[in-house]
């Protein structure tokens, strides 16, 4: 039985286990969208509250990780809309409170050349390891569309890395 099903039955230990297992992952999803450490922390907390409150609505056939990703992504996008957040934190502030190992900071800096959807696809695939099919479910896109956008985004990133290095 999965952790989400246990949470639906009121098992708070399962919620704690799920939190410990996915907290960094959820935070990275939110940070990719919001580009603000504090808002990402709020979004991550809200994600686990929503998971607890909606665990009974979890549908079999979708992976727990994909379901968690969809919730985290939707919360972050809602926060972005509500606050009309457009300011990107300066790199110096991120370096003062490092969230990622340095190679991931460089990666996040480089992927800013991509549009929001392509950036999400690349992050979900590379950082979180989701399959194209799972990404397609989360973003409500066709699987082939996700594959093509992923390949094009990698091409853009490769060109961007050549210019930098």
N, C-alpha and C. Protein backbone atom coordinates (compact mmCIF):
# COMPACT_ATOMS: atom_id res chain seq x y z
N UNK A 1 0.85 -1.18 0.00
CA UNK A 1 0.00 0.00 0.00
C UNK A 1 0.90 1.24 0.00
N UNK A 2 0.60 2.20 -0.86
CA UNK A 2 1.39 3.40 -0.98
C UNK A 2 1.17 4.36 0.19
N UNK A 3 2.10 5.27 0.35
CA UNK A 3 2.02 6.24 1.44
C UNK A 3 0.77 7.11 1.33
N UNK A 4 0.40 7.48 0.12
CA UNK A 4 -0.76 8.35 -0.05
C UNK A 4 -2.03 7.64 0.41
N UNK A 5 -2.15 6.36 0.12
CA UNK A 5 -3.31 5.60 0.59
C UNK A 5 -3.33 5.52 2.11
N UNK A 6 -2.15 5.38 2.71
CA UNK A 6 -2.07 5.35 4.18
C UNK A 6 -2.46 6.71 4.76
N UNK A 7 -2.04 7.78 4.10
CA UNK A 7 -2.40 9.13 4.55
C UNK A 7 -3.91 9.31 4.47
N UNK A 8 -4.52 8.80 3.40
CA UNK A 8 -5.98 8.90 3.23
C UNK A 8 -6.71 8.22 4.39
N UNK A 9 -6.08 7.20 4.97
CA UNK A 9 -6.68 6.48 6.10
C UNK A 9 -6.33 7.13 7.44
N UNK A 10 -5.63 8.29 7.38
CA UNK A 10 -5.33 9.02 8.61
C UNK A 10 -4.01 8.69 9.26
N UNK A 11 -3.14 7.99 8.58
CA UNK A 11 -1.84 7.61 9.13
C UNK A 11 -0.87 8.80 9.05
N UNK A 12 -0.67 9.50 10.17
CA UNK A 12 0.20 10.67 10.19
C UNK A 12 1.67 10.28 10.05
N UNK A 13 2.01 9.08 10.44
CA UNK A 13 3.38 8.60 10.24
C UNK A 13 3.71 8.49 8.76
N UNK A 14 2.71 8.09 7.97
CA UNK A 14 2.91 7.99 6.52
C UNK A 14 3.10 9.39 5.92
N UNK A 15 2.38 10.38 6.45
CA UNK A 15 2.55 11.76 5.98
C UNK A 15 3.96 12.24 6.29
N UNK A 16 4.43 11.93 7.47
CA UNK A 16 5.80 12.32 7.84
C UNK A 16 6.82 11.63 6.93
N UNK A 17 6.60 10.35 6.65
CA UNK A 17 7.50 9.62 5.74
C UNK A 17 7.49 10.22 4.35
N UNK A 18 6.30 10.54 3.85
CA UNK A 18 6.17 11.15 2.52
C UNK A 18 6.87 12.50 2.49
N UNK A 19 6.68 13.28 3.54
CA UNK A 19 7.33 14.59 3.64
C UNK A 19 8.85 14.44 3.61
N UNK A 20 9.38 13.55 4.43
CA UNK A 20 10.83 13.36 4.48
C UNK A 20 11.39 12.86 3.15
N UNK A 21 10.61 12.05 2.47
CA UNK A 21 11.06 11.48 1.19
C UNK A 21 11.01 12.49 0.05
N UNK A 22 10.05 13.41 0.08
CA UNK A 22 9.81 14.28 -1.08
C UNK A 22 9.99 15.78 -0.83
N UNK A 23 10.36 16.20 0.37
CA UNK A 23 10.39 17.64 0.68
C UNK A 23 11.35 18.40 -0.23
N UNK A 24 12.55 17.88 -0.47
CA UNK A 24 13.52 18.57 -1.32
C UNK A 24 13.03 18.61 -2.75
N UNK A 25 12.48 17.51 -3.21
CA UNK A 25 11.95 17.41 -4.56
C UNK A 25 10.85 18.44 -4.79
N UNK A 26 9.90 18.52 -3.86
CA UNK A 26 8.78 19.46 -3.97
C UNK A 26 9.30 20.90 -3.94
N UNK A 27 10.27 21.16 -3.07
CA UNK A 27 10.85 22.50 -2.99
C UNK A 27 11.50 22.89 -4.32
N UNK A 28 12.22 21.98 -4.95
CA UNK A 28 12.87 22.27 -6.24
C UNK A 28 11.84 22.57 -7.33
N UNK A 29 10.74 21.85 -7.34
CA UNK A 29 9.68 22.12 -8.32
C UNK A 29 9.16 23.55 -8.12
N UNK A 30 8.85 23.88 -6.88
CA UNK A 30 8.32 25.22 -6.59
C UNK A 30 9.34 26.30 -6.91
N UNK A 31 10.60 26.05 -6.58
CA UNK A 31 11.64 27.05 -6.84
C UNK A 31 11.84 27.26 -8.34
N UNK A 32 11.72 26.20 -9.12
CA UNK A 32 11.86 26.32 -10.57
C UNK A 32 10.79 27.26 -11.13
N UNK A 33 9.60 27.20 -10.59
CA UNK A 33 8.50 28.03 -11.09
C UNK A 33 8.53 29.43 -10.48
N UNK A 34 8.73 29.50 -9.17
CA UNK A 34 8.61 30.78 -8.46
C UNK A 34 9.89 31.61 -8.46
N UNK A 35 11.02 30.94 -8.53
CA UNK A 35 12.34 31.59 -8.51
C UNK A 35 12.54 32.45 -7.26
N UNK A 36 11.96 32.02 -6.18
CA UNK A 36 12.08 32.74 -4.91
C UNK A 36 12.09 31.70 -3.79
N UNK A 37 13.15 31.71 -3.00
CA UNK A 37 13.33 30.71 -1.96
C UNK A 37 12.18 30.70 -0.96
N UNK A 38 11.78 31.88 -0.50
CA UNK A 38 10.74 31.96 0.53
C UNK A 38 9.38 31.52 -0.01
N UNK A 39 9.06 31.96 -1.21
CA UNK A 39 7.79 31.52 -1.80
C UNK A 39 7.81 30.02 -2.07
N UNK A 40 8.95 29.50 -2.48
CA UNK A 40 9.07 28.06 -2.74
C UNK A 40 8.87 27.26 -1.46
N UNK A 41 9.39 27.77 -0.34
CA UNK A 41 9.18 27.10 0.95
C UNK A 41 7.69 27.09 1.30
N UNK A 42 7.03 28.23 1.09
CA UNK A 42 5.59 28.30 1.35
C UNK A 42 4.82 27.32 0.46
N UNK A 43 5.19 27.28 -0.81
CA UNK A 43 4.52 26.39 -1.75
C UNK A 43 4.73 24.93 -1.36
N UNK A 44 5.94 24.60 -0.91
CA UNK A 44 6.22 23.22 -0.50
C UNK A 44 5.36 22.84 0.71
N UNK A 45 5.27 23.74 1.68
CA UNK A 45 4.43 23.46 2.86
C UNK A 45 2.96 23.29 2.45
N UNK A 46 2.50 24.18 1.60
CA UNK A 46 1.12 24.10 1.13
C UNK A 46 0.87 22.79 0.37
N UNK A 47 1.88 22.33 -0.35
CA UNK A 47 1.75 21.07 -1.10
C UNK A 47 1.45 19.91 -0.16
N UNK A 48 2.18 19.82 0.94
CA UNK A 48 1.96 18.70 1.86
C UNK A 48 0.64 18.84 2.62
N UNK A 49 0.21 20.06 2.86
CA UNK A 49 -1.12 20.25 3.47
C UNK A 49 -2.19 19.76 2.50
N UNK A 50 -2.03 20.13 1.23
CA UNK A 50 -3.01 19.73 0.23
C UNK A 50 -2.98 18.21 0.02
N UNK A 51 -1.79 17.61 0.07
CA UNK A 51 -1.69 16.15 -0.06
C UNK A 51 -2.47 15.49 1.08
N UNK A 52 -2.28 16.00 2.29
CA UNK A 52 -2.99 15.43 3.44
C UNK A 52 -4.51 15.58 3.26
N UNK A 53 -4.94 16.75 2.84
CA UNK A 53 -6.38 17.01 2.71
C UNK A 53 -7.02 16.30 1.53
N UNK A 54 -6.24 15.97 0.52
CA UNK A 54 -6.80 15.38 -0.71
C UNK A 54 -6.32 13.96 -0.99
N UNK A 55 -5.69 13.33 -0.02
CA UNK A 55 -5.16 11.98 -0.24
C UNK A 55 -6.26 11.01 -0.68
N UNK A 56 -7.46 11.22 -0.22
CA UNK A 56 -8.57 10.35 -0.60
C UNK A 56 -8.97 10.48 -2.06
N UNK A 57 -8.53 11.55 -2.72
CA UNK A 57 -8.85 11.77 -4.13
C UNK A 57 -7.79 11.20 -5.07
N UNK A 58 -6.72 10.66 -4.49
CA UNK A 58 -5.64 10.09 -5.31
C UNK A 58 -6.19 8.95 -6.15
N UNK A 59 -5.86 8.97 -7.45
CA UNK A 59 -6.34 7.94 -8.38
C UNK A 59 -5.24 6.94 -8.68
N UNK A 60 -5.58 5.68 -8.63
CA UNK A 60 -4.62 4.65 -9.02
C UNK A 60 -4.34 4.79 -10.50
N UNK A 61 -3.16 4.38 -10.92
CA UNK A 61 -2.80 4.46 -12.33
C UNK A 61 -1.87 5.63 -12.60
N UNK A 62 -1.82 6.57 -11.70
CA UNK A 62 -0.88 7.68 -11.83
C UNK A 62 0.13 7.48 -10.71
N UNK A 63 1.39 7.68 -10.99
CA UNK A 63 2.40 7.43 -9.96
C UNK A 63 2.26 8.47 -8.84
N UNK A 64 2.63 8.07 -7.63
CA UNK A 64 2.56 9.00 -6.50
C UNK A 64 3.42 10.23 -6.79
N UNK A 65 4.59 10.01 -7.38
CA UNK A 65 5.50 11.13 -7.66
C UNK A 65 4.88 12.09 -8.66
N UNK A 66 4.22 11.57 -9.67
CA UNK A 66 3.57 12.43 -10.66
C UNK A 66 2.42 13.21 -10.02
N UNK A 67 1.68 12.58 -9.12
CA UNK A 67 0.57 13.25 -8.43
C UNK A 67 1.09 14.37 -7.54
N UNK A 68 2.16 14.08 -6.80
CA UNK A 68 2.78 15.09 -5.94
C UNK A 68 3.32 16.24 -6.78
N UNK A 69 3.94 15.90 -7.91
CA UNK A 69 4.48 16.93 -8.81
C UNK A 69 3.37 17.84 -9.31
N UNK A 70 2.25 17.26 -9.71
CA UNK A 70 1.13 18.06 -10.21
C UNK A 70 0.61 19.01 -9.14
N UNK A 71 0.50 18.53 -7.92
CA UNK A 71 0.02 19.38 -6.83
C UNK A 71 1.01 20.52 -6.58
N UNK A 72 2.29 20.19 -6.47
CA UNK A 72 3.32 21.21 -6.21
C UNK A 72 3.35 22.24 -7.33
N UNK A 73 3.28 21.78 -8.55
CA UNK A 73 3.31 22.68 -9.72
C UNK A 73 2.10 23.60 -9.71
N UNK A 74 0.92 23.05 -9.48
CA UNK A 74 -0.30 23.86 -9.48
C UNK A 74 -0.29 24.91 -8.37
N UNK A 75 0.19 24.53 -7.20
CA UNK A 75 0.27 25.49 -6.09
C UNK A 75 1.24 26.62 -6.44
N UNK A 76 2.40 26.26 -6.98
CA UNK A 76 3.39 27.29 -7.34
C UNK A 76 2.84 28.23 -8.41
N UNK A 77 2.17 27.69 -9.40
CA UNK A 77 1.59 28.52 -10.45
C UNK A 77 0.49 29.42 -9.87
N UNK A 78 -0.34 28.88 -8.98
CA UNK A 78 -1.37 29.70 -8.33
C UNK A 78 -0.74 30.85 -7.54
N UNK A 79 0.34 30.56 -6.82
CA UNK A 79 1.02 31.60 -6.06
C UNK A 79 1.59 32.67 -6.99
N UNK A 80 2.12 32.23 -8.11
CA UNK A 80 2.69 33.16 -9.09
C UNK A 80 1.59 34.08 -9.62
N UNK A 81 0.45 33.52 -9.92
CA UNK A 81 -0.67 34.32 -10.43
C UNK A 81 -1.19 35.28 -9.37
N UNK A 82 -1.40 34.78 -8.16
CA UNK A 82 -1.98 35.61 -7.10
C UNK A 82 -1.08 36.79 -6.76
N UNK A 83 0.18 36.57 -6.72
CA UNK A 83 1.10 37.62 -6.30
C UNK A 83 1.70 38.39 -7.47
N UNK A 84 1.35 37.96 -8.68
CA UNK A 84 1.89 38.58 -9.89
C UNK A 84 3.39 38.74 -9.76
N UNK A 85 3.99 37.66 -9.31
CA UNK A 85 5.41 37.66 -9.02
C UNK A 85 6.21 37.59 -10.31
N UNK A 86 7.07 38.59 -10.54
CA UNK A 86 7.90 38.58 -11.74
C UNK A 86 9.37 38.84 -11.45
N UNK A 87 9.69 39.20 -10.22
CA UNK A 87 11.06 39.56 -9.91
C UNK A 87 11.89 38.31 -9.67
N UNK A 88 13.03 38.24 -10.32
CA UNK A 88 13.94 37.12 -10.14
C UNK A 88 14.99 37.54 -9.11
N UNK A 89 15.23 36.71 -8.12
CA UNK A 89 16.26 37.01 -7.12
C UNK A 89 17.63 37.08 -7.78
N UNK A 90 18.43 37.96 -7.27
CA UNK A 90 19.79 38.07 -7.80
C UNK A 90 20.58 36.84 -7.39
N UNK A 91 21.54 36.49 -8.21
CA UNK A 91 22.36 35.31 -7.91
C UNK A 91 23.06 35.45 -6.57
N UNK A 92 23.44 36.65 -6.22
CA UNK A 92 24.14 36.86 -4.96
C UNK A 92 23.30 36.40 -3.78
N UNK A 93 22.01 36.68 -3.79
CA UNK A 93 21.13 36.26 -2.71
C UNK A 93 21.05 34.73 -2.66
N UNK A 94 21.01 34.10 -3.81
CA UNK A 94 20.98 32.63 -3.84
C UNK A 94 22.27 32.06 -3.29
N UNK A 95 23.39 32.71 -3.58
CA UNK A 95 24.67 32.21 -3.09
C UNK A 95 24.79 32.38 -1.58
N UNK A 96 24.14 33.41 -1.02
CA UNK A 96 24.17 33.61 0.42
C UNK A 96 23.42 32.50 1.14
N UNK A 97 22.37 32.00 0.52
CA UNK A 97 21.58 30.91 1.09
C UNK A 97 21.49 29.80 0.06
N UNK A 98 22.58 29.06 -0.14
CA UNK A 98 22.56 28.06 -1.21
C UNK A 98 21.50 26.99 -0.97
N UNK A 99 20.79 26.70 -2.04
CA UNK A 99 19.75 25.68 -1.99
C UNK A 99 20.23 24.44 -2.72
N UNK A 100 20.99 24.65 -3.78
CA UNK A 100 21.44 23.57 -4.63
C UNK A 100 22.95 23.45 -4.56
N UNK A 101 23.47 22.29 -4.84
CA UNK A 101 24.90 22.20 -5.07
C UNK A 101 25.25 23.12 -6.25
N UNK A 102 26.49 23.54 -6.35
CA UNK A 102 26.87 24.54 -7.34
C UNK A 102 26.52 24.13 -8.77
N UNK A 103 26.66 22.87 -9.14
CA UNK A 103 26.34 22.47 -10.50
C UNK A 103 24.85 22.68 -10.81
N UNK A 104 24.00 22.51 -9.83
CA UNK A 104 22.57 22.74 -10.06
C UNK A 104 22.27 24.23 -10.16
N UNK A 105 23.01 25.06 -9.41
CA UNK A 105 22.84 26.51 -9.54
C UNK A 105 23.19 26.95 -10.95
N UNK A 106 24.29 26.43 -11.47
CA UNK A 106 24.68 26.76 -12.84
C UNK A 106 23.61 26.29 -13.81
N UNK A 107 23.09 25.09 -13.59
CA UNK A 107 22.04 24.55 -14.45
C UNK A 107 20.82 25.46 -14.44
N UNK A 108 20.39 25.87 -13.23
CA UNK A 108 19.22 26.74 -13.13
C UNK A 108 19.47 28.08 -13.80
N UNK A 109 20.69 28.55 -13.76
CA UNK A 109 21.03 29.81 -14.44
C UNK A 109 20.93 29.65 -15.95
N UNK A 110 21.43 28.55 -16.46
CA UNK A 110 21.45 28.31 -17.90
C UNK A 110 20.04 28.08 -18.45
N UNK A 111 19.18 27.40 -17.70
CA UNK A 111 17.85 27.07 -18.24
C UNK A 111 16.92 28.27 -18.31
N UNK A 112 17.35 29.41 -17.81
CA UNK A 112 16.50 30.60 -17.89
C UNK A 112 16.26 31.04 -19.33
N UNK A 113 17.07 30.53 -20.29
CA UNK A 113 16.86 30.87 -21.70
C UNK A 113 15.60 30.19 -22.25
N UNK A 114 15.10 29.18 -21.55
CA UNK A 114 13.92 28.43 -22.02
C UNK A 114 12.64 29.11 -21.55
N UNK A 115 11.56 28.89 -22.30
CA UNK A 115 10.27 29.40 -21.83
C UNK A 115 9.82 28.53 -20.65
N UNK A 116 8.80 28.98 -19.96
CA UNK A 116 8.39 28.34 -18.71
C UNK A 116 8.05 26.86 -18.88
N UNK A 117 7.29 26.51 -19.90
CA UNK A 117 6.89 25.11 -20.10
C UNK A 117 8.10 24.24 -20.39
N UNK A 118 8.98 24.70 -21.28
CA UNK A 118 10.18 23.92 -21.60
C UNK A 118 11.06 23.77 -20.36
N UNK A 119 11.17 24.82 -19.56
CA UNK A 119 11.97 24.77 -18.34
C UNK A 119 11.39 23.72 -17.39
N UNK A 120 10.07 23.70 -17.27
CA UNK A 120 9.43 22.70 -16.40
C UNK A 120 9.68 21.29 -16.91
N UNK A 121 9.56 21.10 -18.22
CA UNK A 121 9.78 19.78 -18.81
C UNK A 121 11.19 19.31 -18.53
N UNK A 122 12.17 20.17 -18.77
CA UNK A 122 13.57 19.80 -18.55
C UNK A 122 13.83 19.49 -17.08
N UNK A 123 13.31 20.32 -16.19
CA UNK A 123 13.53 20.09 -14.75
C UNK A 123 12.85 18.80 -14.28
N UNK A 124 11.64 18.57 -14.75
CA UNK A 124 10.94 17.34 -14.35
C UNK A 124 11.68 16.11 -14.85
N UNK A 125 12.26 16.21 -16.03
CA UNK A 125 12.95 15.06 -16.62
C UNK A 125 14.33 14.87 -15.99
N UNK A 126 15.12 15.94 -15.90
CA UNK A 126 16.50 15.81 -15.46
C UNK A 126 16.62 15.79 -13.94
N UNK A 127 16.00 16.74 -13.27
CA UNK A 127 16.16 16.85 -11.82
C UNK A 127 15.33 15.80 -11.08
N UNK A 128 14.09 15.60 -11.53
CA UNK A 128 13.21 14.71 -10.78
C UNK A 128 13.12 13.31 -11.37
N UNK A 129 13.58 13.14 -12.60
CA UNK A 129 13.61 11.82 -13.20
C UNK A 129 12.26 11.29 -13.67
N UNK A 130 11.29 12.17 -13.85
CA UNK A 130 9.99 11.71 -14.33
C UNK A 130 10.09 11.28 -15.79
N UNK A 131 9.23 10.36 -16.18
CA UNK A 131 9.17 9.89 -17.56
C UNK A 131 8.36 10.88 -18.39
N UNK A 132 8.56 10.85 -19.71
CA UNK A 132 7.84 11.75 -20.61
C UNK A 132 6.32 11.60 -20.42
N UNK A 133 5.86 10.38 -20.24
CA UNK A 133 4.43 10.11 -20.06
C UNK A 133 3.91 10.80 -18.80
N UNK A 134 4.68 10.73 -17.70
CA UNK A 134 4.27 11.35 -16.45
C UNK A 134 4.26 12.87 -16.57
N UNK A 135 5.27 13.41 -17.24
CA UNK A 135 5.33 14.85 -17.46
C UNK A 135 4.12 15.30 -18.28
N UNK A 136 3.79 14.52 -19.30
CA UNK A 136 2.64 14.83 -20.15
C UNK A 136 1.35 14.87 -19.33
N UNK A 137 1.18 13.92 -18.42
CA UNK A 137 -0.01 13.90 -17.56
C UNK A 137 -0.06 15.14 -16.69
N UNK A 138 1.06 15.51 -16.10
CA UNK A 138 1.12 16.65 -15.19
C UNK A 138 0.81 17.95 -15.93
N UNK A 139 1.43 18.12 -17.10
CA UNK A 139 1.28 19.36 -17.86
C UNK A 139 0.06 19.35 -18.78
N UNK A 140 -0.64 18.20 -18.82
CA UNK A 140 -1.81 18.04 -19.69
C UNK A 140 -1.44 18.30 -21.16
N UNK A 141 -0.35 17.65 -21.57
CA UNK A 141 0.12 17.72 -22.95
C UNK A 141 0.20 16.31 -23.51
N UNK A 142 0.31 16.21 -24.82
CA UNK A 142 0.52 14.93 -25.49
C UNK A 142 1.94 14.46 -25.19
N UNK A 143 2.14 13.17 -25.01
CA UNK A 143 3.47 12.63 -24.72
C UNK A 143 4.46 12.97 -25.81
N UNK A 144 4.06 12.88 -27.08
CA UNK A 144 4.97 13.22 -28.18
C UNK A 144 5.35 14.70 -28.15
N UNK A 145 4.42 15.55 -27.76
CA UNK A 145 4.71 16.98 -27.63
C UNK A 145 5.78 17.20 -26.57
N UNK A 146 5.65 16.51 -25.45
CA UNK A 146 6.63 16.62 -24.38
C UNK A 146 8.00 16.16 -24.87
N UNK A 147 8.04 15.03 -25.58
CA UNK A 147 9.32 14.52 -26.10
C UNK A 147 9.97 15.53 -27.04
N UNK A 148 9.20 16.08 -27.96
CA UNK A 148 9.75 17.04 -28.93
C UNK A 148 10.22 18.31 -28.24
N UNK A 149 9.42 18.82 -27.31
CA UNK A 149 9.82 20.04 -26.60
C UNK A 149 11.07 19.79 -25.77
N UNK A 150 11.17 18.60 -25.17
CA UNK A 150 12.35 18.24 -24.38
C UNK A 150 13.59 18.23 -25.27
N UNK A 151 13.49 17.59 -26.43
CA UNK A 151 14.63 17.51 -27.34
C UNK A 151 15.04 18.90 -27.83
N UNK A 152 14.07 19.73 -28.19
CA UNK A 152 14.38 21.11 -28.64
C UNK A 152 15.02 21.91 -27.51
N UNK A 153 14.49 21.75 -26.31
CA UNK A 153 15.03 22.48 -25.15
C UNK A 153 16.47 22.08 -24.88
N UNK A 154 16.76 20.78 -25.01
CA UNK A 154 18.14 20.33 -24.81
C UNK A 154 19.06 20.94 -25.86
N UNK A 155 18.56 21.08 -27.08
CA UNK A 155 19.34 21.72 -28.14
C UNK A 155 19.64 23.17 -27.80
N UNK A 156 18.63 23.89 -27.31
CA UNK A 156 18.83 25.29 -26.90
C UNK A 156 19.84 25.38 -25.76
N UNK A 157 19.73 24.45 -24.82
CA UNK A 157 20.66 24.45 -23.69
C UNK A 157 22.08 24.16 -24.15
N UNK A 158 22.23 23.23 -25.08
CA UNK A 158 23.56 22.91 -25.60
C UNK A 158 24.17 24.13 -26.27
N UNK A 159 23.37 24.85 -27.05
CA UNK A 159 23.87 26.07 -27.69
C UNK A 159 24.22 27.13 -26.65
N UNK A 160 23.40 27.25 -25.63
CA UNK A 160 23.67 28.21 -24.56
C UNK A 160 24.94 27.88 -23.80
N UNK A 161 25.20 26.59 -23.60
CA UNK A 161 26.41 26.18 -22.89
C UNK A 161 27.65 26.43 -23.73
N UNK A 162 27.54 26.28 -25.06
CA UNK A 162 28.67 26.56 -25.94
C UNK A 162 29.04 28.04 -25.85
N UNK A 163 28.02 28.91 -25.78
CA UNK A 163 28.27 30.34 -25.70
C UNK A 163 28.92 30.72 -24.37
N UNK A 164 28.50 30.05 -23.28
CA UNK A 164 29.04 30.34 -21.95
C UNK A 164 30.44 29.79 -21.80
N UNK A 165 30.64 28.55 -22.24
CA UNK A 165 31.92 27.88 -22.01
C UNK A 165 32.69 27.81 -23.25
